[in-house]
Amino acid sequence: MGIQSPFDRSKDDLAALTSRAQGSFLGRCVLRFVRIGGLDRCIVLSSQAFTALIPLLILAGALAPAGDEDAVAQSLIRKFGLSGDSADAVTQLFTTPAGGSSGVGIFSAFLLLFSGVSFTRRLQRMFRAAWEQEKSGVLGGLFAALGLVVLIIEVLVAYGARSLFRQFPPDWLWALPVTFVTGMVLWTSIPYLLLNRQVHWRRLLFGGATAGAATTAFGVATTVYMPQAVTSSTEDFGLFGITISIIGWLLAAAGVLVASTVVGAEFDASPDPWIRRLKTRFGLFDPEQGPPLEQPREPAGLSRGDLLAIVRLLYNWMTMTAAVWVATALIPGINVSGGLPTYLIVSVIFGLVNAVLGPLLYLAAFPLTAFTYGASALVVNAVLLAVTAGLSERLSIEGLGSAVAGALVIAVVAALLELVLRPTIRGVTHDG
């Protein structure tokens, strides 16, 4: 029998980790997402939502009272936190001319009804696929129409509730819990209707709470990311850039909804002991069927060591992202075009470049380390940063001096964060 090489052992460890990950709750959620064609459903839902959004905006503009022709535009500006040229472009695109035809409003109403029912039908298919329910017939179409009516009513009520609580400063303190509660109610009741009331609403509560929390976080991220995204799209594509930004926003919102639905469905079907305890404690089960019984099963999922390894990986990723951000803020010759997602991607590329080329360059520069008092290591880091800029179109570095200064800042910031945060990570590792 031959000797197993370290590479073979690494492959075996990776295969074992992959198997444990697939057996974990998160892994099963990912598999369920793939099984229902989650990406395709996100695209379909976002495109159908966009199709329903256009007649809704036209109808709202046509029904706006005299003097409020820009009500739709102003709502979008407040929603996305726009200003300057991007706000002017939205006003120009969505402001209804004075004296608009009422015939356009009637036509938009019929188009809105048709596209709205189509949207809820798509939602219904997504919910039924996630919850592994059989296809519905004519009765499903009636529930889809009812779901559209309830969806519109609950969205209006939620909008009114948020507008009411904004009058009490500080508005952000009220906005978050109100958004969460209204989102949980919305995404518990809508699936209940679209599943033809075949799944008890208590079983849908966890998915609704997940969707409420996710949409609340998504709303906060929208106010941070969308202004820059709309401004960039408007500069590149003019008025059409606004449409591109809205489509991208709807696609992200659909992804949040589909992922939350998958998590809720997997939570309901999961036999894990901790999930069974949560269901029993909070009554997240059908009262007619009683609380879930304990089922013998083989241990599956990620081990404590796997979870700690993932925590350390995320910690290193966030540390590198913060260090790159500080470098771009302090060094004029280093620029990253984009928001937080771009910084995350750039830090991943920088980490991969360090892992692949770093050992070779450090080995080559090792004879000079003693004579340069460690300055050669700084030059190596600068070269690695320059290579990262060559691999990423979003990162630009102006000259070797900027690369050296950026490498120095990244090293210092990473060391400071390591000094401050590493004891916390070690405490989690040892105390668990």
Protein backbone atom coordinates (compact mmCIF):
# COMPACT_ATOMS: atom_id res chain seq x y z
CA MET A 1 0.00 0.00 0.00
CA GLY A 2 1.43 3.37 -1.04
CA ILE A 3 1.98 6.37 1.20
CA GLN A 4 -0.79 8.95 1.08
CA SER A 5 0.55 12.36 0.09
CA PRO A 6 -0.44 15.60 1.87
CA PHE A 7 -2.32 16.63 -1.28
CA ASP A 8 -4.40 13.45 -1.16
CA ARG A 9 -5.12 14.03 2.52
CA SER A 10 -6.19 17.59 1.76
CA LYS A 11 -8.57 16.30 -0.89
CA ASP A 12 -9.99 13.78 1.57
CA ASP A 13 -10.43 16.49 4.22
CA LEU A 14 -12.12 18.77 1.71
CA ALA A 15 -14.44 15.96 0.61
CA ALA A 16 -15.33 15.20 4.23
CA LEU A 17 -15.96 18.90 4.94
CA THR A 18 -18.14 19.16 1.84
CA SER A 19 -20.15 16.13 2.95
CA ARG A 20 -20.64 17.59 6.42
CA ALA A 21 -21.59 20.96 4.93
CA GLN A 22 -24.26 19.34 2.78
CA GLY A 23 -25.71 17.68 5.87
CA SER A 24 -25.86 20.93 7.84
CA PHE A 25 -28.95 23.12 7.96
CA LEU A 26 -27.32 25.79 5.80
CA GLY A 27 -26.11 23.16 3.34
CA ARG A 28 -29.59 21.68 3.04
CA CYS A 29 -30.97 25.16 2.42
CA VAL A 30 -28.50 25.63 -0.43
CA LEU A 31 -29.43 22.24 -1.89
CA ARG A 32 -33.14 23.09 -1.67
CA PHE A 33 -32.44 26.44 -3.37
CA VAL A 34 -30.66 24.63 -6.21
CA ARG A 35 -33.34 21.94 -6.39
CA ILE A 36 -36.13 24.47 -7.04
CA GLY A 37 -34.03 26.41 -9.57
CA GLY A 38 -33.60 29.39 -7.24
CA LEU A 39 -31.59 31.57 -9.62
CA ASP A 40 -34.08 31.11 -12.45
CA ARG A 41 -36.96 31.91 -10.11
CA CYS A 42 -35.20 35.09 -8.94
CA ILE A 43 -34.85 36.24 -12.54
CA VAL A 44 -38.46 35.38 -13.39
CA LEU A 45 -39.84 37.08 -10.27
CA SER A 46 -37.79 40.24 -10.78
CA SER A 47 -38.75 40.53 -14.44
CA GLN A 48 -42.43 39.93 -13.64
CA ALA A 49 -42.24 42.49 -10.81
CA PHE A 50 -40.72 45.02 -13.20
CA THR A 51 -43.51 44.33 -15.70
CA ALA A 52 -46.07 45.04 -12.97
CA LEU A 53 -44.14 48.06 -11.65
CA ILE A 54 -44.27 50.10 -14.87
CA PRO A 55 -48.10 50.22 -15.18
CA LEU A 56 -48.31 50.82 -11.42
CA LEU A 57 -46.09 53.91 -11.72
CA ILE A 58 -48.02 55.15 -14.75
CA LEU A 59 -51.35 54.61 -13.00
CA ALA A 60 -50.14 56.32 -9.82
CA GLY A 61 -48.95 59.28 -11.85
CA ALA A 62 -52.20 59.50 -13.81
CA LEU A 63 -54.29 59.42 -10.62
CA ALA A 64 -52.13 61.95 -8.78
CA PRO A 65 -53.98 65.18 -7.97
CA ALA A 66 -53.10 68.44 -9.67
CA GLY A 67 -49.83 69.82 -8.36
CA ASP A 68 -48.51 66.36 -7.39
CA GLU A 69 -47.50 65.16 -10.85
CA ASP A 70 -44.03 64.36 -9.50
CA ALA A 71 -45.32 62.23 -6.58
CA VAL A 72 -43.96 58.98 -8.08
CA ALA A 73 -40.57 60.53 -8.79
CA GLN A 74 -40.31 61.98 -5.30
CA SER A 75 -41.22 58.62 -3.74
CA LEU A 76 -38.43 56.90 -5.69
CA ILE A 77 -35.98 59.64 -4.75
CA ARG A 78 -36.79 59.19 -1.05
CA LYS A 79 -36.73 55.40 -1.32
CA PHE A 80 -33.28 55.26 -2.88
CA GLY A 81 -31.86 58.37 -1.15
CA LEU A 82 -30.98 60.11 -4.42
CA SER A 83 -29.69 63.63 -4.95
CA GLY A 84 -28.11 65.78 -7.64
CA ASP A 85 -28.15 64.61 -11.26
CA SER A 86 -29.55 61.17 -10.44
CA ALA A 87 -32.54 62.75 -8.65
CA ASP A 88 -33.09 65.10 -11.59
CA ALA A 89 -33.02 62.14 -14.00
CA VAL A 90 -35.64 60.26 -11.93
CA THR A 91 -37.83 63.38 -11.85
CA GLN A 92 -37.54 63.76 -15.62
CA LEU A 93 -38.34 60.10 -16.27
CA PHE A 94 -41.25 59.50 -13.87
CA THR A 95 -43.00 62.88 -13.64
CA THR A 96 -46.44 62.74 -15.30
CA PRO A 97 -47.21 65.73 -17.56
CA ALA A 98 -50.03 67.95 -16.36
CA GLY A 99 -53.36 67.03 -17.94
CA GLY A 100 -52.41 63.43 -18.70
CA SER A 101 -55.07 61.30 -20.38
CA SER A 102 -57.41 59.39 -18.11
CA GLY A 103 -57.56 56.73 -20.81
CA VAL A 104 -53.92 55.95 -20.09
CA GLY A 105 -54.83 55.46 -16.43
CA ILE A 106 -57.65 53.02 -17.29
CA PHE A 107 -55.41 51.06 -19.64
CA SER A 108 -52.67 50.97 -16.99
CA ALA A 109 -55.19 49.68 -14.44
CA PHE A 110 -56.09 46.70 -16.67
CA LEU A 111 -52.43 46.08 -17.45
CA LEU A 112 -51.59 46.30 -13.74
CA LEU A 113 -54.28 43.75 -12.89
CA PHE A 114 -53.06 41.31 -15.54
CA SER A 115 -49.35 41.66 -14.67
CA GLY A 116 -50.09 41.64 -10.94
CA VAL A 117 -51.94 38.32 -11.13
CA SER A 118 -49.11 36.94 -13.27
CA PHE A 119 -46.65 38.03 -10.58
CA THR A 120 -48.59 36.34 -7.77
CA ARG A 121 -48.87 33.18 -9.91
CA ARG A 122 -45.08 33.16 -10.21
CA LEU A 123 -44.85 33.65 -6.46
CA GLN A 124 -47.29 30.79 -5.97
CA ARG A 125 -45.19 28.43 -8.07
CA MET A 126 -42.07 29.41 -6.15
CA PHE A 127 -43.75 28.81 -2.77
CA ARG A 128 -45.19 25.48 -3.88
CA ALA A 129 -41.82 24.32 -5.21
CA ALA A 130 -40.01 25.31 -2.01
CA TRP A 131 -42.62 23.62 0.20
CA GLU A 132 -42.81 20.59 -2.13
CA GLN A 133 -46.54 21.01 -2.73
CA GLU A 134 -48.36 19.68 -5.77
CA LYS A 135 -49.40 22.01 -8.57
CA SER A 136 -52.68 23.83 -8.05
CA GLY A 137 -55.49 24.09 -10.58
CA VAL A 138 -58.32 26.57 -10.91
CA LEU A 139 -58.48 27.02 -7.15
CA GLY A 140 -54.87 28.12 -7.21
CA GLY A 141 -55.70 30.85 -9.71
CA LEU A 142 -58.43 32.18 -7.41
CA PHE A 143 -56.02 32.23 -4.47
CA ALA A 144 -53.46 34.00 -6.68
CA ALA A 145 -55.97 36.76 -7.43
CA LEU A 146 -56.88 36.98 -3.74
CA GLY A 147 -53.20 37.07 -2.89
CA LEU A 148 -52.72 40.06 -5.20
CA VAL A 149 -55.49 41.98 -3.43
CA VAL A 150 -54.10 41.14 0.02
CA LEU A 151 -50.55 41.97 -1.14
CA ILE A 152 -51.60 45.44 -2.32
CA ILE A 153 -53.59 46.12 0.85
CA GLU A 154 -50.80 44.99 3.17
CA VAL A 155 -48.15 46.94 1.26
CA LEU A 156 -50.29 50.10 1.53
CA VAL A 157 -50.89 49.48 5.25
CA ALA A 158 -47.16 48.88 5.81
CA TYR A 159 -46.29 52.05 3.89
CA GLY A 160 -48.82 54.01 5.96
CA ALA A 161 -47.49 52.58 9.22
CA ARG A 162 -43.90 53.47 8.35
CA SER A 163 -44.96 56.98 7.27
CA LEU A 164 -46.81 57.44 10.56
CA PHE A 165 -43.90 56.37 12.75
CA ARG A 166 -41.46 58.55 10.76
CA GLN A 167 -43.11 61.54 12.40
CA PHE A 168 -41.66 60.49 15.77
CA PRO A 169 -37.94 61.24 15.96
CA PRO A 170 -35.59 59.54 15.63
CA ASP A 171 -37.36 57.98 12.65
CA TRP A 172 -34.74 55.23 12.14
CA LEU A 173 -35.45 53.89 15.63
CA TRP A 174 -39.07 53.22 14.67
CA ALA A 175 -38.45 52.29 11.05
CA LEU A 176 -36.50 49.09 11.72
CA PRO A 177 -38.97 47.30 14.06
CA VAL A 178 -41.99 48.50 12.06
CA THR A 179 -40.43 47.27 8.81
CA PHE A 180 -39.60 43.93 10.40
CA VAL A 181 -43.09 43.37 11.84
CA THR A 182 -44.91 44.41 8.66
CA GLY A 183 -42.56 42.25 6.58
CA MET A 184 -43.13 39.24 8.83
CA VAL A 185 -46.91 39.64 8.63
CA LEU A 186 -46.78 40.14 4.86
CA TRP A 187 -44.55 37.15 4.09
CA THR A 188 -46.48 34.87 6.45
CA SER A 189 -49.94 35.68 5.14
CA ILE A 190 -49.10 35.78 1.41
CA PRO A 191 -47.54 32.27 1.35
CA TYR A 192 -50.47 31.04 3.43
CA LEU A 193 -52.90 32.19 0.72
CA LEU A 194 -50.76 31.19 -2.25
CA LEU A 195 -50.31 27.70 -0.82
CA ASN A 196 -54.13 27.41 -0.87
CA ARG A 197 -54.10 27.43 2.96
CA GLN A 198 -52.78 23.85 2.88
CA VAL A 199 -49.87 24.76 5.19
CA HIS A 200 -50.81 26.04 8.64
CA TRP A 201 -49.76 29.65 9.18
CA ARG A 202 -47.76 28.71 12.28
CA ARG A 203 -45.46 26.60 10.13
CA LEU A 204 -44.90 29.66 7.94
CA LEU A 205 -43.96 31.99 10.80
CA PHE A 206 -40.24 31.22 10.78
CA GLY A 207 -40.00 31.87 7.05
CA GLY A 208 -42.01 35.05 7.48
CA ALA A 209 -39.73 36.24 10.29
CA THR A 210 -36.68 35.41 8.17
CA ALA A 211 -38.13 37.36 5.24
CA GLY A 212 -39.01 40.27 7.55
CA ALA A 213 -35.47 40.44 8.94
CA ALA A 214 -33.91 40.00 5.49
CA THR A 215 -36.06 42.69 3.86
CA THR A 216 -35.31 45.06 6.74
CA ALA A 217 -31.58 44.55 6.24
CA PHE A 218 -32.07 44.86 2.48
CA GLY A 219 -33.87 48.17 2.98
CA VAL A 220 -30.95 49.52 5.00
CA ALA A 221 -28.49 48.30 2.35
CA THR A 222 -30.63 49.96 -0.33
CA THR A 223 -30.19 53.40 1.21
CA VAL A 224 -26.42 52.84 1.33
CA TYR A 225 -25.80 51.23 -2.07
CA MET A 226 -28.52 52.48 -4.43
CA PRO A 227 -27.57 56.20 -4.54
CA GLN A 228 -24.10 55.34 -5.80
CA ALA A 229 -25.43 52.63 -8.16
CA VAL A 230 -28.05 54.95 -9.70
CA THR A 231 -25.54 57.77 -10.03
CA SER A 232 -23.02 55.49 -11.75
CA SER A 233 -25.65 53.99 -14.08
CA THR A 234 -27.01 57.43 -14.96
CA GLU A 235 -23.54 58.71 -15.82
CA ASP A 236 -22.87 55.67 -18.03
CA PHE A 237 -26.27 55.14 -19.72
CA GLY A 238 -28.32 58.30 -19.13
CA LEU A 239 -32.00 57.86 -18.34
CA PHE A 240 -31.82 54.17 -19.30
CA GLY A 241 -29.36 53.68 -16.42
CA ILE A 242 -32.19 54.26 -13.95
CA THR A 243 -34.07 51.33 -15.46
CA ILE A 244 -30.96 49.16 -15.17
CA SER A 245 -30.59 50.09 -11.49
CA ILE A 246 -34.25 49.32 -10.74
CA ILE A 247 -34.00 45.93 -12.47
CA GLY A 248 -30.89 45.10 -10.46
CA TRP A 249 -32.63 46.18 -7.25
CA LEU A 250 -35.65 44.01 -8.04
CA LEU A 251 -33.38 41.05 -8.80
CA ALA A 252 -31.67 41.43 -5.42
CA ALA A 253 -35.06 41.76 -3.68
CA ALA A 254 -36.27 38.59 -5.42
CA GLY A 255 -33.14 36.80 -4.26
CA VAL A 256 -33.84 37.84 -0.67
CA LEU A 257 -37.43 36.58 -0.92
CA VAL A 258 -36.57 33.23 -2.55
CA ALA A 259 -33.73 32.57 -0.09
CA SER A 260 -35.99 33.41 2.89
CA THR A 261 -38.68 31.07 1.55
CA VAL A 262 -36.16 28.24 1.16
CA VAL A 263 -34.89 28.77 4.72
CA GLY A 264 -38.46 28.69 6.07
CA ALA A 265 -39.34 25.51 4.16
CA GLU A 266 -36.14 23.74 5.23
CA PHE A 267 -36.71 24.80 8.84
CA ASP A 268 -40.17 23.23 8.73
CA ALA A 269 -38.86 19.96 7.26
CA SER A 270 -35.65 19.72 9.29
CA PRO A 271 -35.31 16.93 11.90
CA ASP A 272 -32.43 18.64 13.74
CA PRO A 273 -32.90 18.56 17.54
CA TRP A 274 -32.32 22.30 17.99
CA ILE A 275 -34.96 23.07 15.36
CA ARG A 276 -37.39 20.63 16.96
CA ARG A 277 -36.90 22.39 20.30
CA LEU A 278 -37.57 25.78 18.72
CA LYS A 279 -40.73 24.49 17.05
CA THR A 280 -42.00 23.06 20.34
CA ARG A 281 -41.13 26.12 22.39
CA PHE A 282 -42.70 28.71 20.06
CA GLY A 283 -45.51 26.56 18.67
CA LEU A 284 -44.22 26.57 15.09
CA PHE A 285 -46.23 23.50 14.07
CA ASP A 286 -49.71 22.53 12.99
CA PRO A 287 -51.83 22.22 16.19
CA GLU A 288 -53.80 19.34 14.67
CA GLN A 289 -50.61 17.33 14.13
CA GLY A 290 -49.06 18.19 17.49
CA PRO A 291 -45.43 19.06 18.27
CA PRO A 292 -42.71 17.31 16.26
CA LEU A 293 -41.45 14.06 17.71
CA GLU A 294 -37.81 13.23 18.20
CA GLN A 295 -36.48 11.21 15.30
CA PRO A 296 -33.33 9.10 15.52
CA ARG A 297 -30.81 10.20 12.93
CA GLU A 298 -27.10 9.94 12.33
CA PRO A 299 -25.04 12.98 13.34
CA ALA A 300 -24.72 15.30 10.36
CA GLY A 301 -23.70 18.80 9.65
CA LEU A 302 -20.67 20.89 10.40
CA SER A 303 -18.63 20.15 13.48
CA ARG A 304 -17.56 22.77 16.01
CA GLY A 305 -14.13 22.88 14.41
CA ASP A 306 -15.68 23.46 10.98
CA LEU A 307 -17.74 26.37 12.32
CA LEU A 308 -14.69 27.91 13.98
CA ALA A 309 -12.73 27.57 10.74
CA ILE A 310 -15.52 29.37 8.88
CA VAL A 311 -15.58 32.11 11.53
CA ARG A 312 -11.82 32.59 11.17
CA LEU A 313 -12.14 32.71 7.38
CA LEU A 314 -14.87 35.36 7.55
CA TYR A 315 -12.85 37.28 10.13
CA ASN A 316 -9.78 37.34 7.86
CA TRP A 317 -11.95 38.37 4.92
CA MET A 318 -13.54 41.28 6.80
CA THR A 319 -10.15 42.37 8.13
CA MET A 320 -8.64 42.46 4.65
CA THR A 321 -11.68 44.31 3.29
CA ALA A 322 -11.39 46.97 5.99
CA ALA A 323 -7.65 47.32 5.37
CA VAL A 324 -8.15 47.80 1.61
CA TRP A 325 -10.86 50.39 2.30
CA VAL A 326 -8.58 52.36 4.62
CA ALA A 327 -5.79 52.25 2.01
CA THR A 328 -8.09 53.69 -0.67
CA ALA A 329 -9.25 56.39 1.76
CA LEU A 330 -5.72 57.47 2.75
CA ILE A 331 -3.67 56.98 -0.42
CA PRO A 332 -4.74 59.27 -3.30
CA GLY A 333 -3.21 57.03 -5.97
CA ILE A 334 -5.32 53.97 -5.04
CA ASN A 335 -8.96 53.86 -6.11
CA VAL A 336 -11.71 51.24 -5.99
CA SER A 337 -14.70 51.97 -8.23
CA GLY A 338 -17.72 50.52 -6.47
CA GLY A 339 -19.27 49.99 -3.08
CA LEU A 340 -18.96 47.28 -0.43
CA PRO A 341 -19.43 44.32 -2.85
CA THR A 342 -16.49 45.58 -4.91
CA TYR A 343 -14.26 45.87 -1.83
CA LEU A 344 -15.22 42.33 -0.83
CA ILE A 345 -14.29 41.01 -4.29
CA VAL A 346 -11.00 42.94 -4.39
CA SER A 347 -10.02 41.59 -0.95
CA VAL A 348 -10.74 38.04 -2.14
CA ILE A 349 -8.52 38.54 -5.20
CA PHE A 350 -5.78 40.06 -3.03
CA GLY A 351 -5.99 37.09 -0.66
CA LEU A 352 -5.73 34.60 -3.53
CA VAL A 353 -2.76 36.45 -5.03
CA ASN A 354 -1.07 36.39 -1.62
CA ALA A 355 -1.73 32.66 -1.27
CA VAL A 356 -0.43 31.76 -4.74
CA LEU A 357 2.39 34.21 -5.46
CA GLY A 358 3.23 35.38 -1.95
CA PRO A 359 5.31 32.39 -0.82
CA LEU A 360 7.35 32.42 -4.04
CA LEU A 361 8.11 36.14 -3.88
CA TYR A 362 8.94 36.05 -0.17
CA LEU A 363 11.28 33.10 -0.80
CA ALA A 364 13.00 34.97 -3.63
CA ALA A 365 13.36 38.11 -1.50
CA PHE A 366 14.51 36.25 1.62
CA PRO A 367 18.31 36.78 1.03
CA LEU A 368 17.71 40.56 0.96
CA THR A 369 15.61 40.68 4.11
CA ALA A 370 18.56 40.93 6.49
CA PHE A 371 20.24 43.70 4.46
CA THR A 372 17.08 45.78 3.94
CA TYR A 373 15.79 45.38 7.51
CA GLY A 374 12.52 43.90 6.24
CA ALA A 375 11.88 46.55 3.57
CA SER A 376 11.94 43.85 0.90
CA ALA A 377 8.78 42.37 2.41
CA LEU A 378 7.04 45.71 1.89
CA VAL A 379 8.14 45.71 -1.74
CA VAL A 380 6.78 42.18 -2.14
CA ASN A 381 3.42 43.31 -0.70
CA ALA A 382 3.41 46.23 -3.13
CA VAL A 383 4.02 43.86 -6.04
CA LEU A 384 1.20 41.61 -4.86
CA LEU A 385 -1.12 44.62 -4.62
CA ALA A 386 -0.11 45.70 -8.13
CA VAL A 387 -0.84 42.20 -9.44
CA THR A 388 -4.26 42.39 -7.79
CA ALA A 389 -4.91 45.68 -9.59
CA GLY A 390 -3.95 44.01 -12.86
CA LEU A 391 -6.47 41.23 -12.26
CA SER A 392 -9.31 43.52 -11.18
CA GLU A 393 -10.73 46.28 -13.35
CA ARG A 394 -12.26 47.91 -10.24
CA LEU A 395 -8.89 48.51 -8.53
CA SER A 396 -6.49 51.08 -9.97
CA ILE A 397 -3.02 52.02 -8.64
CA GLU A 398 -1.03 55.00 -9.94
CA GLY A 399 2.61 54.04 -9.83
CA LEU A 400 4.91 52.00 -7.62
CA GLY A 401 4.95 54.65 -4.88
CA SER A 402 1.18 54.35 -4.41
CA ALA A 403 1.48 50.57 -4.38
CA VAL A 404 4.17 50.66 -1.67
CA ALA A 405 2.22 53.18 0.43
CA GLY A 406 -0.98 51.14 0.00
CA ALA A 407 0.79 47.92 1.00
CA LEU A 408 2.13 49.66 4.10
CA VAL A 409 -1.30 50.95 5.10
CA ILE A 410 -2.90 47.54 4.54
CA ALA A 411 -0.23 45.82 6.63
CA VAL A 412 -0.56 48.35 9.49
CA VAL A 413 -4.38 48.28 9.53
CA ALA A 414 -4.47 44.49 9.36
CA ALA A 415 -1.99 44.27 12.23
CA LEU A 416 -4.00 46.71 14.36
CA LEU A 417 -7.25 44.85 13.72
CA GLU A 418 -5.49 41.60 14.50
CA LEU A 419 -4.24 43.05 17.78
CA VAL A 420 -7.69 44.32 18.76
CA LEU A 421 -9.95 41.54 17.48
CA ARG A 422 -7.83 38.39 17.68
CA PRO A 423 -8.35 37.96 21.47
CA THR A 424 -12.09 37.87 20.84
CA ILE A 425 -11.70 35.19 18.17
CA ARG A 426 -9.44 33.18 20.46
CA GLY A 427 -12.00 33.48 23.24
CA VAL A 428 -14.68 32.08 20.96
CA THR A 429 -12.33 29.29 19.89
CA HIS A 430 -11.45 28.21 23.40
CA ASP A 431 -14.70 28.90 25.23
CA GLY A 432 -17.06 27.97 22.36
